[in-house]
C-alpha atoms as a PDB file:
ATOM      1  CA  MET A   1     -24.035 -57.930  18.863  1.00  0.00           C
ATOM      2  CA  TYR A   2     -24.591 -61.011  16.779  1.00  0.00           C
ATOM      3  CA  GLY A   3     -23.649 -59.132  13.619  1.00  0.00           C
ATOM      4  CA  ASN A   4     -20.343 -57.968  15.102  1.00  0.00           C
ATOM      5  CA  THR A   5     -19.548 -61.519  16.239  1.00  0.00           C
ATOM      6  CA  ALA A   6     -20.293 -62.868  12.781  1.00  0.00           C
ATOM      7  CA  LEU A   7     -18.051 -60.297  11.167  1.00  0.00           C
ATOM      8  CA  ARG A   8     -15.272 -61.058  13.632  1.00  0.00           C
ATOM      9  CA  ASN A   9     -15.573 -64.790  12.934  1.00  0.00           C
ATOM     10  CA  ALA A  10     -15.574 -64.227   9.188  1.00  0.00           C
ATOM     11  CA  GLY A  11     -12.487 -62.057   9.350  1.00  0.00           C
ATOM     12  CA  LEU A  12     -10.724 -64.513  11.664  1.00  0.00           C
ATOM     13  CA  TRP A  13     -11.551 -67.413   9.357  1.00  0.00           C
ATOM     14  CA  ILE A  14     -10.081 -65.564   6.369  1.00  0.00           C
ATOM     15  CA  LEU A  15      -6.883 -64.713   8.219  1.00  0.00           C
ATOM     16  CA  LEU A  16      -6.443 -68.233   9.561  1.00  0.00           C
ATOM     17  CA  SER A  17      -7.011 -69.653   6.092  1.00  0.00           C
ATOM     18  CA  LEU A  18      -4.377 -67.337   4.647  1.00  0.00           C
ATOM     19  CA  ALA A  19      -1.939 -68.215   7.426  1.00  0.00           C
ATOM     20  CA  ALA A  20      -2.375 -71.910   6.663  1.00  0.00           C
ATOM     21  CA  GLY A  21      -1.110 -71.228   3.146  1.00  0.00           C
ATOM     22  CA  HIS A  22       2.142 -69.678   4.318  1.00  0.00           C
ATOM     23  CA  LEU A  23       5.044 -71.861   3.163  1.00  0.00           C
ATOM     24  CA  THR A  24       8.190 -72.071   5.260  1.00  0.00           C
ATOM     25  CA  GLU A  25      11.295 -70.143   4.287  1.00  0.00           C
ATOM     26  CA  GLN A  26      12.985 -73.412   3.353  1.00  0.00           C
ATOM     27  CA  GLN A  27      10.082 -74.380   1.096  1.00  0.00           C
ATOM     28  CA  THR A  28      10.069 -71.026  -0.703  1.00  0.00           C
ATOM     29  CA  SER A  29      13.840 -71.253  -1.198  1.00  0.00           C
ATOM     30  CA  THR A  30      13.433 -74.766  -2.611  1.00  0.00           C
ATOM     31  CA  ILE A  31      10.802 -73.565  -5.084  1.00  0.00           C
ATOM     32  CA  VAL A  32      12.998 -70.704  -6.320  1.00  0.00           C
ATOM     33  CA  ASP A  33      16.152 -72.848  -6.460  1.00  0.00           C
ATOM     34  CA  ILE A  34      14.508 -75.636  -8.449  1.00  0.00           C
ATOM     35  CA  HIS A  35      13.076 -73.135 -10.911  1.00  0.00           C
ATOM     36  CA  ASN A  36      16.484 -71.567 -11.487  1.00  0.00           C
ATOM     37  CA  ASP A  37      18.221 -74.945 -11.726  1.00  0.00           C
ATOM     38  CA  ILE A  38      15.883 -76.163 -14.448  1.00  0.00           C
ATOM     39  CA  ARG A  39      16.085 -72.802 -16.254  1.00  0.00           C
ATOM     40  CA  SER A  40      19.884 -73.091 -16.357  1.00  0.00           C
ATOM     41  CA  GLN A  41      19.720 -76.611 -17.823  1.00  0.00           C
ATOM     42  CA  VAL A  42      17.139 -76.238 -20.597  1.00  0.00           C
ATOM     43  CA  LYS A  43      17.639 -78.230 -23.790  1.00  0.00           C
ATOM     44  CA  PRO A  44      18.300 -76.730 -26.244  1.00  0.00           C
ATOM     45  CA  SER A  45      20.231 -74.026 -24.404  1.00  0.00           C
ATOM     46  CA  ALA A  46      18.722 -70.550 -24.062  1.00  0.00           C
ATOM     47  CA  ALA A  47      20.275 -67.483 -25.690  1.00  0.00           C
ATOM     48  CA  PHE A  48      18.418 -65.460 -23.054  1.00  0.00           C
ATOM     49  CA  MET A  49      17.231 -66.711 -19.677  1.00  0.00           C
ATOM     50  CA  GLN A  50      16.891 -64.791 -16.425  1.00  0.00           C
ATOM     51  CA  LYS A  51      16.596 -65.769 -12.780  1.00  0.00           C
ATOM     52  CA  VAL A  52      13.299 -66.215 -11.008  1.00  0.00           C
ATOM     53  CA  VAL A  53      12.981 -64.355  -7.684  1.00  0.00           C
ATOM     54  CA  TRP A  54      10.414 -64.625  -4.891  1.00  0.00           C
ATOM     55  CA  ASP A  55       7.665 -62.002  -4.769  1.00  0.00           C
ATOM     56  CA  GLU A  56       5.565 -61.474  -1.625  1.00  0.00           C
ATOM     57  CA  THR A  57       2.781 -59.737  -3.546  1.00  0.00           C
ATOM     58  CA  LEU A  58       2.341 -62.805  -5.728  1.00  0.00           C
ATOM     59  CA  ARG A  59       2.382 -64.983  -2.616  1.00  0.00           C
ATOM     60  CA  LEU A  60      -0.612 -63.071  -1.237  1.00  0.00           C
ATOM     61  CA  VAL A  61      -2.494 -63.558  -4.496  1.00  0.00           C
ATOM     62  CA  ALA A  62      -1.687 -67.286  -4.442  1.00  0.00           C
ATOM     63  CA  GLU A  63      -2.823 -67.582  -0.807  1.00  0.00           C
ATOM     64  CA  ALA A  64      -6.122 -65.822  -1.452  1.00  0.00           C
ATOM     65  CA  TYR A  65      -6.930 -68.141  -4.354  1.00  0.00           C
ATOM     66  CA  ALA A  66      -5.697 -71.346  -2.685  1.00  0.00           C
ATOM     67  CA  THR A  67      -8.287 -70.905   0.095  1.00  0.00           C
ATOM     68  CA  LYS A  68     -11.057 -71.228  -2.488  1.00  0.00           C
ATOM     69  CA  CYS A  69     -10.096 -74.912  -2.865  1.00  0.00           C
ATOM     70  CA  ILE A  70     -10.743 -75.149  -6.601  1.00  0.00           C
ATOM     71  CA  LEU A  71      -8.539 -77.322  -8.818  1.00  0.00           C
ATOM     72  CA  ASP A  72      -8.815 -74.947 -11.744  1.00  0.00           C
ATOM     73  CA  ASN A  73      -6.983 -71.790 -12.751  1.00  0.00           C
ATOM     74  CA  ASN A  74      -7.908 -68.445 -11.235  1.00  0.00           C
ATOM     75  CA  PRO A  75     -10.405 -66.822 -13.640  1.00  0.00           C
ATOM     76  CA  LYS A  76      -8.810 -63.434 -12.906  1.00  0.00           C
ATOM     77  CA  LEU A  77      -5.399 -64.382 -14.340  1.00  0.00           C
ATOM     78  CA  LYS A  78      -5.930 -62.424 -17.539  1.00  0.00           C
ATOM     79  CA  SER A  79      -6.881 -59.198 -15.787  1.00  0.00           C
ATOM     80  CA  LEU A  80      -4.065 -59.646 -13.250  1.00  0.00           C
ATOM     81  CA  LYS A  81      -1.584 -60.393 -16.074  1.00  0.00           C
ATOM     82  CA  LEU A  82      -0.279 -63.455 -14.255  1.00  0.00           C
ATOM     83  CA  GLY A  83       0.667 -67.023 -15.073  1.00  0.00           C
ATOM     84  CA  GLU A  84      -0.272 -69.883 -12.746  1.00  0.00           C
ATOM     85  CA  ASN A  85       0.681 -73.486 -11.947  1.00  0.00           C
ATOM     86  CA  LEU A  86      -1.405 -75.704  -9.664  1.00  0.00           C
ATOM     87  CA  PHE A  87      -0.568 -78.955  -7.908  1.00  0.00           C
ATOM     88  CA  ALA A  88      -2.770 -81.074  -5.646  1.00  0.00           C
ATOM     89  CA  THR A  89      -1.989 -84.029  -3.412  1.00  0.00           C
ATOM     90  CA  THR A  90      -3.842 -86.031  -0.787  1.00  0.00           C
ATOM     91  CA  ARG A  91      -0.648 -86.056   1.301  1.00  0.00           C
ATOM     92  CA  PRO A  92       1.062 -83.175   3.133  1.00  0.00           C
ATOM     93  CA  ILE A  93       2.621 -80.802   0.613  1.00  0.00           C
ATOM     94  CA  ASN A  94       6.122 -81.628  -0.598  1.00  0.00           C
ATOM     95  CA  VAL A  95       7.262 -78.764  -2.806  1.00  0.00           C
ATOM     96  CA  THR A  96      10.092 -80.817  -4.334  1.00  0.00           C
ATOM     97  CA  GLU A  97       7.563 -83.431  -5.419  1.00  0.00           C
ATOM     98  CA  ALA A  98       5.370 -80.723  -6.936  1.00  0.00           C
ATOM     99  CA  MET A  99       8.261 -79.112  -8.849  1.00  0.00           C
ATOM    100  CA  ASN A 100       9.444 -82.496 -10.151  1.00  0.00           C
ATOM    101  CA  ASN A 101       5.898 -83.289 -11.272  1.00  0.00           C
ATOM    102  CA  TRP A 102       5.940 -80.175 -13.440  1.00  0.00           C
ATOM    103  CA  ILE A 103       9.494 -80.743 -14.698  1.00  0.00           C
ATOM    104  CA  LEU A 104       8.646 -84.275 -15.891  1.00  0.00           C
ATOM    105  CA  GLN A 105       6.359 -82.683 -18.467  1.00  0.00           C
ATOM    106  CA  SER A 106       9.508 -81.656 -20.365  1.00  0.00           C
ATOM    107  CA  HIS A 107       9.601 -85.212 -21.745  1.00  0.00           C
ATOM    108  CA  TYR A 108       6.437 -84.457 -23.700  1.00  0.00           C
ATOM    109  CA  TYR A 109       7.476 -81.046 -24.988  1.00  0.00           C
ATOM    110  CA  ASP A 110       9.117 -80.729 -28.417  1.00  0.00           C
ATOM    111  CA  TYR A 111      10.949 -77.393 -28.512  1.00  0.00           C
ATOM    112  CA  GLU A 112      11.725 -77.449 -32.235  1.00  0.00           C
ATOM    113  CA  ASN A 113       8.073 -77.820 -33.178  1.00  0.00           C
ATOM    114  CA  ASN A 114       6.762 -76.041 -30.069  1.00  0.00           C
ATOM    115  CA  TYR A 115       4.463 -79.007 -29.590  1.00  0.00           C
ATOM    116  CA  CYS A 116       3.164 -81.054 -26.660  1.00  0.00           C
ATOM    117  CA  THR A 117       2.509 -84.769 -27.141  1.00  0.00           C
ATOM    118  CA  GLU A 118      -1.172 -85.499 -27.653  1.00  0.00           C
ATOM    119  CA  ASP A 119      -3.097 -86.250 -24.448  1.00  0.00           C
ATOM    120  CA  GLU A 120      -0.206 -84.956 -22.325  1.00  0.00           C
ATOM    121  CA  ILE A 121       0.333 -81.681 -20.443  1.00  0.00           C
ATOM    122  CA  CYS A 122       3.363 -79.418 -20.914  1.00  0.00           C
ATOM    123  CA  GLY A 123       2.072 -76.072 -19.637  1.00  0.00           C
ATOM    124  CA  HIS A 124       3.498 -76.381 -16.122  1.00  0.00           C
ATOM    125  CA  TYR A 125       7.008 -77.019 -17.472  1.00  0.00           C
ATOM    126  CA  THR A 126       6.927 -74.303 -20.130  1.00  0.00           C
ATOM    127  CA  GLN A 127       5.750 -71.774 -17.523  1.00  0.00           C
ATOM    128  CA  MET A 128       8.651 -72.760 -15.266  1.00  0.00           C
ATOM    129  CA  VAL A 129      11.201 -72.055 -18.014  1.00  0.00           C
ATOM    130  CA  TRP A 130       9.447 -69.072 -19.629  1.00  0.00           C
ATOM    131  CA  ALA A 131      12.317 -66.607 -19.973  1.00  0.00           C
ATOM    132  CA  ASP A 132      10.241 -63.462 -19.427  1.00  0.00           C
ATOM    133  CA  SER A 133       8.562 -64.751 -16.232  1.00  0.00           C
ATOM    134  CA  LYS A 134      10.956 -63.558 -13.561  1.00  0.00           C
ATOM    135  CA  ARG A 135       8.884 -63.347 -10.360  1.00  0.00           C
ATOM    136  CA  ILE A 136       7.066 -66.104  -8.497  1.00  0.00           C
ATOM    137  CA  GLY A 137       4.918 -66.391  -5.378  1.00  0.00           C
ATOM    138  CA  CYS A 138       3.343 -69.588  -4.063  1.00  0.00           C
ATOM    139  CA  ALA A 139       1.064 -70.769  -1.268  1.00  0.00           C
ATOM    140  CA  ALA A 140      -0.371 -74.077  -0.057  1.00  0.00           C
ATOM    141  CA  HIS A 141      -3.739 -74.687   1.590  1.00  0.00           C
ATOM    142  CA  VAL A 142      -5.310 -77.803   3.131  1.00  0.00           C
ATOM    143  CA  CYS A 143      -8.807 -78.208   1.681  1.00  0.00           C
ATOM    144  CA  GLU A 144     -11.395 -80.383   3.406  1.00  0.00           C
ATOM    145  CA  THR A 145     -12.945 -80.863  -0.016  1.00  0.00           C
ATOM    146  CA  LEU A 146     -11.019 -79.809  -3.114  1.00  0.00           C
ATOM    147  CA  LYS A 147     -13.378 -79.073  -5.980  1.00  0.00           C
ATOM    148  CA  GLY A 148     -12.059 -81.130  -8.870  1.00  0.00           C
ATOM    149  CA  LEU A 149     -10.876 -84.057  -6.725  1.00  0.00           C
ATOM    150  CA  ASP A 150     -13.820 -84.107  -4.292  1.00  0.00           C
ATOM    151  CA  GLN A 151     -11.688 -85.192  -1.351  1.00  0.00           C
ATOM    152  CA  LYS A 152      -9.458 -83.727   1.325  1.00  0.00           C
ATOM    153  CA  SER A 153      -6.328 -82.471  -0.408  1.00  0.00           C
ATOM    154  CA  THR A 154      -3.517 -79.957  -0.178  1.00  0.00           C
ATOM    155  CA  LEU A 155      -3.496 -77.410  -3.000  1.00  0.00           C
ATOM    156  CA  LEU A 156      -0.329 -75.604  -4.078  1.00  0.00           C
ATOM    157  CA  VAL A 157      -0.752 -72.427  -6.135  1.00  0.00           C
ATOM    158  CA  CYS A 158       2.183 -70.672  -7.828  1.00  0.00           C
ATOM    159  CA  ASN A 159       1.700 -67.374  -9.644  1.00  0.00           C
ATOM    160  CA  TYR A 160       4.184 -65.931 -12.150  1.00  0.00           C
ATOM    161  CA  TYR A 161       4.833 -62.427 -13.432  1.00  0.00           C
ATOM    162  CA  PRO A 162       4.864 -61.584 -16.277  1.00  0.00           C
ATOM    163  CA  THR A 163       2.684 -64.416 -17.551  1.00  0.00           C
ATOM    164  CA  GLY A 164       4.054 -67.143 -19.803  1.00  0.00           C
ATOM    165  CA  ASN A 165       2.549 -69.752 -22.127  1.00  0.00           C
ATOM    166  CA  CYS A 166       1.634 -67.392 -24.940  1.00  0.00           C
ATOM    167  CA  GLU A 167       0.239 -68.917 -28.111  1.00  0.00           C
ATOM    168  CA  GLY A 168       2.657 -69.430 -30.965  1.00  0.00           C
ATOM    169  CA  GLN A 169       5.716 -68.631 -28.836  1.00  0.00           C
ATOM    170  CA  ARG A 170       8.372 -70.894 -27.405  1.00  0.00           C
ATOM    171  CA  PRO A 171       9.250 -70.420 -23.734  1.00  0.00           C
ATOM    172  CA  TYR A 172      12.668 -69.009 -24.628  1.00  0.00           C
ATOM    173  CA  GLN A 173      14.948 -68.261 -27.585  1.00  0.00           C
ATOM    174  CA  SER A 174      17.408 -71.063 -28.248  1.00  0.00           C
ATOM    175  CA  GLY A 175      21.099 -70.442 -28.935  1.00  0.00           C
ATOM    176  CA  MET A 176      24.450 -70.279 -27.211  1.00  0.00           C
ATOM    177  CA  SER A 177      23.874 -69.717 -23.506  1.00  0.00           C
ATOM    178  CA  CYS A 178      23.683 -65.997 -22.658  1.00  0.00           C
ATOM    179  CA  LEU A 179      24.310 -64.954 -26.270  1.00  0.00           C
ATOM    180  CA  ASN A 180      21.438 -62.467 -26.167  1.00  0.00           C
ATOM    181  CA  CYS A 181      21.730 -61.145 -22.625  1.00  0.00           C
ATOM    182  CA  PRO A 182      20.456 -57.539 -22.602  1.00  0.00           C
ATOM    183  CA  GLU A 183      22.731 -54.746 -21.429  1.00  0.00           C
ATOM    184  CA  GLU A 184      21.168 -54.569 -17.967  1.00  0.00           C
ATOM    185  CA  LEU A 185      21.791 -58.321 -17.469  1.00  0.00           C
ATOM    186  CA  SER A 186      25.218 -58.522 -19.061  1.00  0.00           C
ATOM    187  CA  MET A 187      26.738 -61.255 -16.886  1.00  0.00           C
ATOM    188  CA  CYS A 188      26.382 -64.977 -17.550  1.00  0.00           C
ATOM    189  CA  GLU A 189      26.090 -67.134 -14.427  1.00  0.00           C
ATOM    190  CA  LYS A 190      25.236 -70.818 -14.783  1.00  0.00           C
ATOM    191  CA  ASN A 191      23.792 -70.135 -18.252  1.00  0.00           C
ATOM    192  CA  ILE A 192      21.505 -67.386 -16.878  1.00  0.00           C
ATOM    193  CA  CYS A 193      21.732 -63.648 -17.609  1.00  0.00           C
ATOM    194  CA  VAL A 194      22.283 -61.687 -14.385  1.00  0.00           C
ATOM    195  CA  LYS A 195      23.183 -58.155 -13.352  1.00  0.00           C
ATOM    196  CA  LYS A 196      26.855 -57.282 -13.213  1.00  0.00           C
ATOM    197  CA  ARG A 197      28.076 -57.000  -9.631  1.00  0.00           C
ATOM    198  CA  PRO A 198      30.669 -54.451  -8.435  1.00  0.00           C
ATOM    199  CA  SER A 199      33.186 -57.246  -7.948  1.00  0.00           C
ATOM    200  CA  GLU A 200      33.080 -60.346 -10.114  1.00  0.00           C
ATOM    201  CA  ASP A 201      35.342 -62.830  -8.370  1.00  0.00           C
ATOM    202  CA  SER A 202      33.254 -65.929  -8.960  1.00  0.00           C
ATOM    203  CA  PRO A 203      34.674 -68.199 -11.681  1.00  0.00           C
ATOM    204  CA  GLU A 204      31.078 -69.074 -12.561  1.00  0.00           C
ATOM    205  CA  ALA A 205      30.240 -65.482 -13.455  1.00  0.00           C
ATOM    206  CA  THR A 206      31.730 -64.398 -16.773  1.00  0.00           C
ATOM    207  CA  LYS A 207      30.767 -61.708 -19.203  1.00  0.00           C
ATOM    208  CA  HIS A 208      29.752 -63.137 -22.535  1.00  0.00           C
ATOM    209  CA  PRO A 209      31.539 -61.311 -25.387  1.00  0.00           C
ATOM    210  CA  ALA A 210      28.240 -60.681 -27.151  1.00  0.00           C
ATOM    211  CA  ALA A 211      26.090 -60.118 -24.070  1.00  0.00           C
ATOM    212  CA  SER A 212      26.348 -56.330 -23.823  1.00  0.00           C
ATOM    213  CA  THR A 213      25.876 -55.389 -27.474  1.00  0.00           C
ATOM    214  CA  LYS A 214      22.572 -53.721 -28.290  1.00  0.00           C
ATOM    215  CA  GLN A 215      22.048 -55.739 -31.446  1.00  0.00           C
ATOM    216  CA  ASN A 216      22.015 -58.908 -29.350  1.00  0.00           C
ATOM    217  CA  ALA A 217      19.511 -57.640 -26.795  1.00  0.00           C
ATOM    218  CA  THR A 218      16.341 -59.682 -26.664  1.00  0.00           C
ATOM    219  CA  PRO A 219      13.741 -57.970 -28.881  1.00  0.00           C
ATOM    220  CA  PRO A 220      10.338 -56.968 -27.444  1.00  0.00           C
ATOM    221  CA  ARG A 221       7.986 -59.918 -27.266  1.00  0.00           C
ATOM    222  CA  THR A 222       4.335 -59.878 -28.238  1.00  0.00           C
ATOM    223  CA  HIS A 223       2.259 -62.288 -26.177  1.00  0.00           C
ATOM    224  CA  GLU A 224      -0.523 -64.197 -27.913  1.00  0.00           C
ATOM    225  CA  PRO A 225      -3.139 -66.694 -26.619  1.00  0.00           C
ATOM    226  CA  THR A 226      -2.742 -70.464 -26.612  1.00  0.00           C
ATOM    227  CA  SER A 227      -4.332 -73.559 -25.111  1.00  0.00           C
ATOM    228  CA  VAL A 228      -3.396 -77.087 -24.025  1.00  0.00           C
ATOM    229  CA  PRO A 229      -5.499 -80.087 -22.937  1.00  0.00           C
ATOM    230  CA  GLU A 230      -6.815 -79.997 -19.393  1.00  0.00           C
ATOM    231  CA  GLU A 231      -4.684 -81.764 -16.800  1.00  0.00           C
ATOM    232  CA  PRO A 232      -5.991 -85.329 -16.234  1.00  0.00           C
ATOM    233  CA  THR A 233      -3.912 -85.854 -13.064  1.00  0.00           C
ATOM    234  CA  GLU A 234      -3.451 -84.099  -9.727  1.00  0.00           C
ATOM    235  CA  GLY A 235      -1.267 -81.339 -11.146  1.00  0.00           C
ATOM    236  CA  HIS A 236      -3.452 -78.935 -13.131  1.00  0.00           C
ATOM    237  CA  SER A 237      -2.806 -75.915 -15.333  1.00  0.00           C
ATOM    238  CA  ARG A 238      -4.138 -74.375 -18.520  1.00  0.00           C
ATOM    239  CA  ILE A 239      -2.488 -71.866 -20.815  1.00  0.00           C
ATOM    240  CA  ARG A 240      -4.688 -68.795 -21.101  1.00  0.00           C
ATOM    241  CA  LYS A 241      -5.072 -65.886 -23.489  1.00  0.00           C
ATOM    242  CA  THR A 242      -3.175 -62.751 -22.570  1.00  0.00           C
ATOM    243  CA  GLY A 243      -1.741 -59.698 -24.273  1.00  0.00           C
ATOM    244  CA  ILE A 244       0.925 -57.809 -22.335  1.00  0.00           C
ATOM    245  CA  ASP A 245       4.356 -56.415 -22.966  1.00  0.00           C
ATOM    246  CA  VAL A 246       7.388 -57.149 -20.846  1.00  0.00           C
ATOM    247  CA  ILE A 247       7.419 -54.435 -18.177  1.00  0.00           C
ATOM    248  CA  LYS A 248       9.337 -53.823 -14.975  1.00  0.00           C
ATOM    249  CA  ALA A 249       8.048 -55.908 -12.071  1.00  0.00           C
ATOM    250  CA  GLY A 250       8.291 -54.760  -8.452  1.00  0.00           C
ATOM    251  CA  THR A 251       6.131 -51.651  -8.166  1.00  0.00           C
ATOM    252  CA  GLU A 252       4.328 -52.551 -11.397  1.00  0.00           C
ATOM    253  CA  VAL A 253       3.214 -55.865  -9.896  1.00  0.00           C
ATOM    254  CA  GLU A 254       1.920 -54.095  -6.808  1.00  0.00           C
ATOM    255  CA  LYS A 255       0.009 -51.540  -8.873  1.00  0.00           C
ATOM    256  CA  THR A 256      -1.620 -54.251 -10.960  1.00  0.00           C
ATOM    257  CA  LEU A 257      -2.681 -56.304  -7.959  1.00  0.00           C
ATOM    258  CA  ALA A 258      -3.532 -53.451  -5.570  1.00  0.00           C
ATOM    259  CA  PRO A 259      -7.358 -53.861  -5.765  1.00  0.00           C
ATOM    260  CA  LEU A 260      -7.160 -57.565  -4.933  1.00  0.00           C
ATOM    261  CA  LEU A 261      -4.743 -57.034  -2.052  1.00  0.00           C
ATOM    262  CA  MET A 262      -6.983 -54.328  -0.612  1.00  0.00           C
ATOM    263  CA  LEU A 263      -9.768 -56.901  -0.201  1.00  0.00           C
ATOM    264  CA  VAL A 264      -7.417 -59.127   1.781  1.00  0.00           C
ATOM    265  CA  TRP A 265      -6.404 -56.334   4.137  1.00  0.00           C
ATOM    266  CA  LEU A 266      -9.991 -55.120   4.579  1.00  0.00           C
ATOM    267  CA  SER A 267     -10.990 -58.575   5.771  1.00  0.00           C
ATOM    268  CA  ALA A 268      -8.492 -58.221   8.600  1.00  0.00           C
ATOM    269  CA  ALA A 269     -10.255 -55.055   9.779  1.00  0.00           C
ATOM    270  CA  PHE A 270     -13.228 -57.093  10.956  1.00  0.00           C
ATOM    271  CA  ILE A 271     -11.142 -58.409  13.851  1.00  0.00           C
ATOM    272  CA  LEU A 272     -10.181 -54.954  15.134  1.00  0.00           C
END
């Protein structure tokens, strides 16, 4: 009897913790919109940049890790083939504040030399504008004690797929906006490569003359490891070693993360 009660309580605690990390629809839209706005305004301009879209599978991964209340990157990022940005605050979460905190790091990033000013952090910003990272999922969790700050804080976790911040590589290829859009993303909308729609009536959506040629398609990218100094402030992220090719997301993301998601669902079974 006692054992069943304990299991029920454990399962309930897990589910309630995950629910607490569920961002509102407005907050998730704000996160995606800010990412795409900054991606469309990069300096220098990007010859290839694609939109970021929300991914519920990544949200579940972010929720599960946020409940651990650790201000450090998920040690499973390499095996999950994901990128990650973290932000912590002692106030209620404001996703616009978090995004702006990461964007401000652009002031310390030198694109030409692919260099971050000494004693500063650039990894959050470069992950935000990493051209190959096209899916994002985030969650927030209120921690009574956040390991790393040692006080009650709200932790925001954002996971990206495919991962960014690969050693020796810039976050995107510079050049005339949309110059190297691949054939499957042949339209240029607000300096971002997007899929051609059946009817293109928007004046903002134009087909770049060089966007659909095979010789201008973005070549395969080889991801290498890199590192940056640890974050000295509330926002925290580190660039980690990885080695993956650009692959289709969607079902591929779900396949990669299936074992982790199974643990989440099994915890719910304790309540039934």
